[in-house]
Every structure is written in C-alpha cells, then in structure tokens.
C-alpha cells in the first residue's frame, strides 16, 4: 500500500484540478491518456452524439465563476459545475447558461453542453436536470476510468482508488450492524436504497442542521389535511438516525400550536388504543414552528430496527390520516 494523494486533496478545487488534468491529455495525441480525455468528453456530450475526436481543447477554470469551461475543436462548449458534497445554490446553474449564451453566440446552441459533476450523492437530481444540465455521477466517471486503472500513472491510480473508496463507504451500512457506527456516506447509501425501494417522488433525504448538532434525515409518507375547513397543513414521517419522528408542517403561524395540539390529541388516542410493542410512539416536548415534532419512536440501534419502526410508524400514520381527514 502507498499513501493516496486524494486522502488529503478532498476539496472541490482539488476535484476541479484532477478533472482538468485528465481532460488536458486531449492536447497530447501521442500519450496513452489521450483517449481518456476523449472518453470523458464523449461521456459529457452523451450517447446521442457522434464520438468526438479531440483536435484541440482549451480549459479555463473559474470563467465568470464557472468551475470549468471547455472549448473543444473551436466548435463545442462544455460547462462543468463540479460538486463533491455541496449542492447548487443562488441560481448559479441558470446564471452560467445565460453567461455562455451571451459570450459564445457564435457557437450553435446544439454544440453547448452543461454538465453537473457530482462525486458525492444527492437525494434527487430532477431540479438540476430541469435546468438543462446533464448529471455525471461518481459511477459515470468510474466507468470511464475502469479502462485505465492498469495504466501506470500514480495520479490516475490514486483518483480511481479514491472514487472506489467513496463507493465502499457509501455501501458500508450493509456490513455494519450498529447504526451509531455508520459514517455520513453510509447514511447516504442507506437512504438512497430506501428511496429506490419506495419508488416515490416525495421521499427525500439530506443533512439537517439543528441545535443538537445535526443529523442525516429522511422524510416520507406525507399527507395533506385541512383544519376547520380553512387552514391546510401536512403530517409526515422523518427518520433522524436513531429515531423516527412524527412531524406536523403548518405555515400559518396563527394556527401552529392549535393544529399541533389537535394532531397530537388524535395520535395519542390511537397510541393508547393499540399495542405497538417494541416500536411504540411516545410524546415529545413541544415547540412551535413550521415543522414540529409531536411524537417519536426512539432508541433504534440497527438497520432492522429502522425498517421495523418505519412499518409501525406508517401503519400508525395511516390511521391518523383517516381520522384527521374525516
């Protein structure tokens, strides 16, 4: 074993650098890695395009805040927004499209490609794709690098190993029984699996900051209700690592406490009526806000605990929905 450069070069700027380094080989036709640059460019452009052979490639970093701008054969433009664990912010993707439209009018729109590279994971990429960006995920880059993993190049080998190590961390929840030992990426892997199993658009996950230190949250099973025939609100379920919370969402500040108490009163009646055995929902201390927790199933220690508690919570929540919507 030898030290891996990317154990230390973990920033998005470092990832920008390795992407640029791999793409720059397109200017070295006699190199063993010339085709690597071609393969990456063609992955960015997509299968619906004919394979492009790079004759020249100009790489600009931070062109008007764009992470990476590629000009290929004086005919194609590729804009790359590069993320590791952060997400889009401040309408940046639409801003970049406007910049390119204004600054490269001489390039056909059909020859402009907008790419969102994500080395980590996100709950959903639908908003990214709706803005006209193609998502290139870690797996897509690994698929390209697979052809070159035996090339004797320390930098390339380290990057391939770094991406594979992230994959292993994401999948580590499968072999780690106690959830308190799960890493951040293990939680992402577990939640991504749940999302795929449920196959519903409204299930999503992300990191939630709070005064207790934050947690990886997963929310699903949302129902709409109306209070007094005038105020709409929602109930839903949320995994907060070692517990499952019953949540109430009320935007109308005037009614937040009243609706919260109304929902809890009905939920308490159901809890008192049935035997939930190990996975019993208990009342939490109330606070007021848009998103409020009214009860929780806690002390979850394993993946199986989470899955069992999810089923118990879903059954209870369905009964609650039927009562609230009468």
Protein backbone atom coordinates (compact mmCIF):
# COMPACT_ATOMS: atom_id res chain seq x y z
CA UNK A 1 0.00 0.00 0.00
CA UNK A 2 1.05 3.59 -0.59
CA UNK A 3 -0.46 6.91 0.51
CA UNK A 4 -3.27 8.19 -1.69
CA UNK A 5 -2.96 11.83 -2.77
CA UNK A 6 -6.75 12.28 -2.61
CA UNK A 7 -6.89 11.34 1.04
CA UNK A 8 -5.60 14.89 1.52
CA UNK A 9 -6.82 16.61 -1.68
CA UNK A 10 -10.52 16.40 -0.81
CA UNK A 11 -11.78 19.86 -1.75
CA UNK A 12 -13.84 20.76 -4.81
CA UNK A 13 -10.87 22.77 -6.09
CA UNK A 14 -8.80 19.58 -5.96
CA UNK A 15 -11.51 17.74 -7.89
CA UNK A 16 -11.58 20.57 -10.44
CA UNK A 17 -7.84 20.12 -10.81
CA UNK A 18 -7.94 16.36 -11.46
CA UNK A 19 -10.77 16.75 -13.98
CA UNK A 20 -8.79 19.44 -15.81
CA UNK A 21 -5.65 17.30 -15.65
CA UNK A 22 -7.44 14.31 -17.23
CA UNK A 23 -9.06 16.49 -19.90
CA UNK A 24 -5.78 18.25 -20.75
CA UNK A 25 -4.43 14.97 -22.14
CA UNK A 26 -6.60 15.73 -25.18
CA UNK A 27 -3.82 18.05 -26.32
CA UNK A 28 -1.26 15.20 -26.28
CA UNK A 29 -2.18 12.90 -29.16
CA UNK A 30 0.76 10.57 -28.66
CA UNK A 31 0.03 9.95 -25.00
CA UNK A 32 -1.53 6.78 -23.63
CA UNK A 33 -4.04 9.04 -21.86
CA UNK A 34 -5.14 10.99 -24.95
CA UNK A 35 -8.12 8.65 -25.29
CA UNK A 36 -9.05 9.21 -21.64
CA UNK A 37 -9.76 12.85 -22.45
CA UNK A 38 -11.83 11.79 -25.47
CA UNK A 39 -13.79 9.30 -23.38
CA UNK A 40 -14.61 11.92 -20.74
CA UNK A 41 -15.70 14.48 -23.33
CA UNK A 42 -17.93 11.95 -25.06
CA UNK A 43 -19.43 10.93 -21.71
CA UNK A 44 -20.25 14.59 -21.12
CA UNK A 45 -21.82 15.03 -24.54
CA UNK A 46 -23.87 11.86 -24.33
CA UNK A 47 -24.57 8.82 -26.47
CA UNK A 48 -26.85 10.73 -28.82
CA UNK A 49 -23.77 12.50 -30.25
CA UNK A 50 -21.25 11.02 -32.64
CA UNK A 51 -17.92 10.31 -30.97
CA UNK A 52 -15.79 13.43 -30.97
CA UNK A 53 -12.07 13.19 -31.65
CA UNK A 54 -10.30 16.00 -29.85
CA UNK A 55 -8.11 18.13 -32.08
CA UNK A 56 -7.74 20.92 -29.55
CA UNK A 57 -9.10 21.53 -26.09
CA UNK A 58 -8.88 24.80 -24.15
CA UNK A 59 -9.57 24.58 -20.43
CA UNK A 60 -10.45 27.63 -18.35
CA UNK A 61 -11.10 27.49 -14.63
CA UNK A 62 -13.39 29.98 -12.90
CA UNK A 63 -14.53 31.68 -16.10
CA UNK A 64 -17.04 34.16 -14.62
CA UNK A 65 -17.38 31.80 -11.63
CA UNK A 66 -17.93 28.70 -13.81
CA UNK A 67 -15.87 25.86 -12.32
CA UNK A 68 -14.55 24.52 -15.64
CA UNK A 69 -15.12 25.75 -19.19
CA UNK A 70 -14.04 23.56 -22.11
CA UNK A 71 -13.67 24.78 -25.69
CA UNK A 72 -13.19 21.80 -27.98
CA UNK A 73 -12.10 21.92 -31.62
CA UNK A 74 -13.27 25.57 -31.71
CA UNK A 75 -16.74 24.10 -32.19
CA UNK A 76 -18.05 22.78 -28.87
CA UNK A 77 -18.51 24.34 -25.44
CA UNK A 78 -18.81 22.27 -22.28
CA UNK A 79 -19.65 23.95 -18.96
CA UNK A 80 -18.86 21.89 -15.87
CA UNK A 81 -20.26 22.61 -12.42
CA UNK A 82 -18.25 20.37 -10.10
CA UNK A 83 -19.59 19.28 -6.71
CA UNK A 84 -18.38 16.82 -4.09
CA UNK A 85 -20.82 17.05 -1.17
CA UNK A 86 -22.25 20.55 -1.65
CA UNK A 87 -25.29 21.31 -3.78
CA UNK A 88 -26.39 24.03 -6.18
CA UNK A 89 -27.06 27.46 -4.69
CA UNK A 90 -28.06 31.00 -5.67
CA UNK A 91 -29.47 30.05 -9.08
CA UNK A 92 -25.89 29.53 -10.26
CA UNK A 93 -26.73 26.98 -12.96
CA UNK A 94 -29.16 29.27 -14.77
CA UNK A 95 -26.70 32.16 -14.41
CA UNK A 96 -23.97 30.13 -16.14
CA UNK A 97 -26.27 29.25 -19.03
CA UNK A 98 -27.02 32.95 -19.51
CA UNK A 99 -23.31 33.83 -19.43
CA UNK A 100 -22.47 31.22 -22.06
CA UNK A 101 -25.40 32.29 -24.24
CA UNK A 102 -24.15 35.87 -24.24
CA UNK A 103 -20.39 35.24 -24.53
CA UNK A 104 -20.42 32.41 -27.09
CA UNK A 105 -23.13 33.45 -29.54
CA UNK A 106 -21.00 32.20 -32.43
CA UNK A 107 -21.34 28.61 -31.12
CA UNK A 108 -24.53 26.77 -32.02
CA UNK A 109 -26.76 26.05 -29.02
CA UNK A 110 -26.74 22.40 -30.15
CA UNK A 111 -22.98 22.37 -29.52
CA UNK A 112 -23.20 23.71 -25.97
CA UNK A 113 -23.28 21.17 -23.15
CA UNK A 114 -23.97 21.84 -19.49
CA UNK A 115 -22.68 19.26 -17.02
CA UNK A 116 -23.23 18.80 -13.30
CA UNK A 117 -20.49 16.53 -11.91
CA UNK A 118 -21.30 15.02 -8.51
CA UNK A 119 -18.68 12.95 -6.69
CA UNK A 120 -20.79 12.56 -3.54
CA UNK A 121 -24.52 11.83 -3.58
CA UNK A 122 -27.76 13.82 -3.53
CA UNK A 123 -31.32 12.81 -2.82
CA UNK A 124 -32.61 14.00 -6.22
CA UNK A 125 -31.23 15.46 -9.43
CA UNK A 126 -34.55 16.39 -11.01
CA UNK A 127 -34.14 20.11 -10.40
CA UNK A 128 -30.64 20.00 -11.88
CA UNK A 129 -31.86 18.21 -14.99
CA UNK A 130 -34.85 20.56 -15.33
CA UNK A 131 -32.36 23.41 -15.80
CA UNK A 132 -30.81 21.69 -18.80
CA UNK A 133 -27.80 20.13 -17.08
CA UNK A 134 -26.69 16.55 -17.57
CA UNK A 135 -25.72 14.86 -14.31
CA UNK A 136 -22.43 12.97 -14.31
CA UNK A 137 -22.20 10.93 -11.15
CA UNK A 138 -19.31 9.14 -9.49
CA UNK A 139 -20.29 5.89 -11.19
CA UNK A 140 -20.10 7.52 -14.63
CA UNK A 141 -16.54 8.68 -14.02
CA UNK A 142 -15.56 5.30 -12.61
CA UNK A 143 -16.98 3.63 -15.73
CA UNK A 144 -14.62 5.75 -17.85
CA UNK A 145 -11.63 5.21 -15.56
CA UNK A 146 -12.15 1.45 -15.47
CA UNK A 147 -10.41 1.18 -18.85
CA UNK A 148 -7.34 2.97 -17.48
CA UNK A 149 -6.99 1.50 -13.99
CA UNK A 150 -3.97 -0.55 -15.06
CA UNK A 151 -2.16 2.36 -16.73
CA UNK A 152 0.98 3.13 -14.75
CA UNK A 153 0.17 6.63 -13.57
CA UNK A 154 0.14 7.39 -9.86
CA UNK A 155 -2.23 10.35 -10.08
CA UNK A 156 -4.80 8.47 -12.14
CA UNK A 157 -4.48 5.38 -9.95
CA UNK A 158 -4.96 7.45 -6.80
CA UNK A 159 -8.08 9.13 -8.19
CA UNK A 160 -9.58 5.82 -9.25
CA UNK A 161 -8.85 4.40 -5.79
CA UNK A 162 -10.32 7.50 -4.13
CA UNK A 163 -13.63 7.16 -6.01
CA UNK A 164 -13.77 3.43 -5.27
CA UNK A 165 -13.16 4.16 -1.59
CA UNK A 166 -16.14 6.56 -1.56
CA UNK A 167 -18.24 3.80 -3.13
CA UNK A 168 -17.16 1.42 -0.40
CA UNK A 169 -18.01 3.94 2.33
CA UNK A 170 -21.48 4.53 0.83
CA UNK A 171 -22.14 0.77 0.84
CA UNK A 172 -20.63 0.16 4.30
CA UNK A 173 -24.02 0.29 6.04
CA UNK A 174 -24.70 -3.18 4.60
CA UNK A 175 -21.89 -4.72 6.67
CA UNK A 176 -22.07 -2.51 9.78
CA UNK A 177 -24.88 -3.66 12.08
CA UNK A 178 -24.91 -0.87 14.68
CA UNK A 179 -26.15 2.36 13.10
CA UNK A 180 -24.26 4.57 15.56
CA UNK A 181 -21.12 3.33 13.76
CA UNK A 182 -22.35 4.46 10.35
CA UNK A 183 -20.42 7.21 8.58
CA UNK A 184 -22.08 10.14 6.83
CA UNK A 185 -21.73 8.37 3.50
CA UNK A 186 -23.18 5.15 4.96
CA UNK A 187 -26.32 7.10 5.87
CA UNK A 188 -26.45 8.47 2.33
CA UNK A 189 -26.16 4.95 0.97
CA UNK A 190 -28.91 3.61 3.23
CA UNK A 191 -31.28 6.47 2.48
CA UNK A 192 -30.63 6.16 -1.27
CA UNK A 193 -31.54 2.48 -1.01
CA UNK A 194 -34.76 3.30 0.86
CA UNK A 195 -35.62 5.88 -1.76
CA UNK A 196 -35.17 3.36 -4.58
CA UNK A 197 -37.19 0.72 -2.74
CA UNK A 198 -40.09 3.11 -2.14
CA UNK A 199 -40.05 4.43 -5.71
CA UNK A 200 -41.95 7.56 -4.69
CA UNK A 201 -41.00 11.11 -5.62
CA UNK A 202 -41.79 12.66 -2.24
CA UNK A 203 -39.26 10.56 -0.29
CA UNK A 204 -36.05 12.52 0.11
CA UNK A 205 -33.06 12.96 2.39
CA UNK A 206 -30.34 15.42 3.35
CA UNK A 207 -28.29 16.67 6.28
CA UNK A 208 -30.32 18.71 8.78
CA UNK A 209 -28.58 21.27 10.98
CA UNK A 210 -30.03 21.92 14.41
CA UNK A 211 -29.01 22.99 17.90
CA UNK A 212 -28.43 19.38 18.95
CA UNK A 213 -25.64 19.01 16.40
CA UNK A 214 -27.49 17.93 13.27
CA UNK A 215 -28.39 14.59 11.73
CA UNK A 216 -28.95 12.81 8.43
CA UNK A 217 -32.70 12.94 7.88
CA UNK A 218 -35.06 11.02 5.60
CA UNK A 219 -38.68 12.11 5.22
CA UNK A 220 -41.60 10.38 3.54
CA UNK A 221 -45.27 9.40 3.93
CA UNK A 222 -46.64 12.95 3.66
CA UNK A 223 -50.41 13.57 3.88
CA UNK A 224 -52.30 16.81 3.31
CA UNK A 225 -55.07 17.87 5.70
CA UNK A 226 -57.32 20.88 6.27
CA UNK A 227 -58.15 22.33 9.69
CA UNK A 228 -61.54 23.98 10.29
CA UNK A 229 -62.10 23.93 6.53
CA UNK A 230 -59.66 26.80 6.06
CA UNK A 231 -56.04 26.04 7.02
CA UNK A 232 -54.02 23.45 5.11
CA UNK A 233 -51.29 21.52 6.89
CA UNK A 234 -49.30 18.30 6.46
CA UNK A 235 -48.27 15.34 8.56
CA UNK A 236 -45.29 13.22 7.59
CA UNK A 237 -42.65 10.87 8.97
CA UNK A 238 -38.95 11.56 9.35
CA UNK A 239 -36.01 9.32 10.20
CA UNK A 240 -33.49 11.13 12.37
CA UNK A 241 -30.83 8.40 12.52
CA UNK A 242 -31.68 6.71 15.85
CA UNK A 243 -35.34 7.75 15.94
CA UNK A 244 -38.41 8.18 13.74
CA UNK A 245 -40.34 11.40 14.29
CA UNK A 246 -44.00 12.14 13.59
CA UNK A 247 -44.00 15.62 12.09
CA UNK A 248 -46.56 18.35 11.50
CA UNK A 249 -45.97 21.13 8.97
CA UNK A 250 -48.03 24.31 9.41
CA UNK A 251 -47.10 27.50 7.57
CA UNK A 252 -49.84 29.63 9.12
CA UNK A 253 -48.19 30.91 12.34
CA UNK A 254 -51.52 31.79 13.93
CA UNK A 255 -52.62 28.15 13.90
CA UNK A 256 -49.34 26.29 14.52
CA UNK A 257 -49.88 25.47 18.20
CA UNK A 258 -53.57 24.76 17.78
CA UNK A 259 -53.07 22.34 14.89
CA UNK A 260 -50.09 20.67 16.58
CA UNK A 261 -52.18 20.00 19.69
CA UNK A 262 -55.10 18.79 17.57
CA UNK A 263 -52.91 16.28 15.73
CA UNK A 264 -51.27 15.06 18.93
CA UNK A 265 -54.65 14.58 20.64
CA UNK A 266 -55.79 12.29 17.84
CA UNK A 267 -52.46 10.48 17.61
CA UNK A 268 -52.43 9.88 21.38
CA UNK A 269 -55.87 8.26 21.21
CA UNK A 270 -54.62 5.81 18.58
CA UNK A 271 -51.45 5.03 20.55
CA UNK A 272 -53.47 4.36 23.70
CA UNK A 273 -55.83 2.10 21.76
CA UNK A 274 -53.30 -0.22 20.11
CA UNK A 275 -50.34 -2.26 21.30
CA UNK A 276 -47.26 -1.07 19.40
CA UNK A 277 -44.98 -3.43 21.34
CA UNK A 278 -41.29 -2.57 20.97
CA UNK A 279 -41.72 0.23 18.45
CA UNK A 280 -44.01 2.47 20.49
CA UNK A 281 -44.54 6.14 19.65
CA UNK A 282 -44.12 8.46 22.62
CA UNK A 283 -44.86 12.16 23.04
CA UNK A 284 -42.01 14.64 22.69
CA UNK A 285 -41.62 18.08 24.24
CA UNK A 286 -43.49 20.50 22.02
CA UNK A 287 -42.08 23.54 20.29
CA UNK A 288 -43.74 25.95 17.87
CA UNK A 289 -42.67 26.47 14.26
CA UNK A 290 -43.38 25.48 10.69
CA UNK A 291 -42.07 21.93 11.20
CA UNK A 292 -42.96 20.42 14.58
CA UNK A 293 -42.29 17.01 16.11
CA UNK A 294 -45.18 15.62 18.15
CA UNK A 295 -44.08 12.04 18.81
CA UNK A 296 -41.18 9.70 18.19
CA UNK A 297 -40.12 6.07 18.11
CA UNK A 298 -36.65 6.14 19.60
CA UNK A 299 -33.69 4.01 20.72
CA UNK A 300 -33.21 2.43 17.28
CA UNK A 301 -29.86 0.65 17.07
CA UNK A 302 -29.79 -1.42 13.86
CA UNK A 303 -30.97 -1.20 10.27
CA UNK A 304 -33.62 -3.80 11.02
CA UNK A 305 -34.83 -1.63 13.91
CA UNK A 306 -35.26 1.26 11.49
CA UNK A 307 -37.14 -0.84 8.96
CA UNK A 308 -39.44 -2.35 11.61
CA UNK A 309 -40.10 1.05 13.16
CA UNK A 310 -40.83 2.51 9.72
CA UNK A 311 -43.55 -0.08 9.19
CA UNK A 312 -45.05 0.58 12.65
CA UNK A 313 -44.93 4.34 12.04
CA UNK A 314 -46.54 4.03 8.59
CA UNK A 315 -49.42 1.95 9.97
CA UNK A 316 -49.99 4.43 12.78
CA UNK A 317 -49.73 7.41 10.44
CA UNK A 318 -52.28 5.89 8.04
CA UNK A 319 -54.78 5.53 10.88
CA UNK A 320 -54.08 9.10 11.92
CA UNK A 321 -54.65 10.34 8.35
CA UNK A 322 -58.05 8.64 8.16
CA UNK A 323 -59.16 10.29 11.41
CA UNK A 324 -57.83 13.75 10.54
CA UNK A 325 -59.47 13.68 7.11
CA UNK A 326 -62.94 12.66 8.29
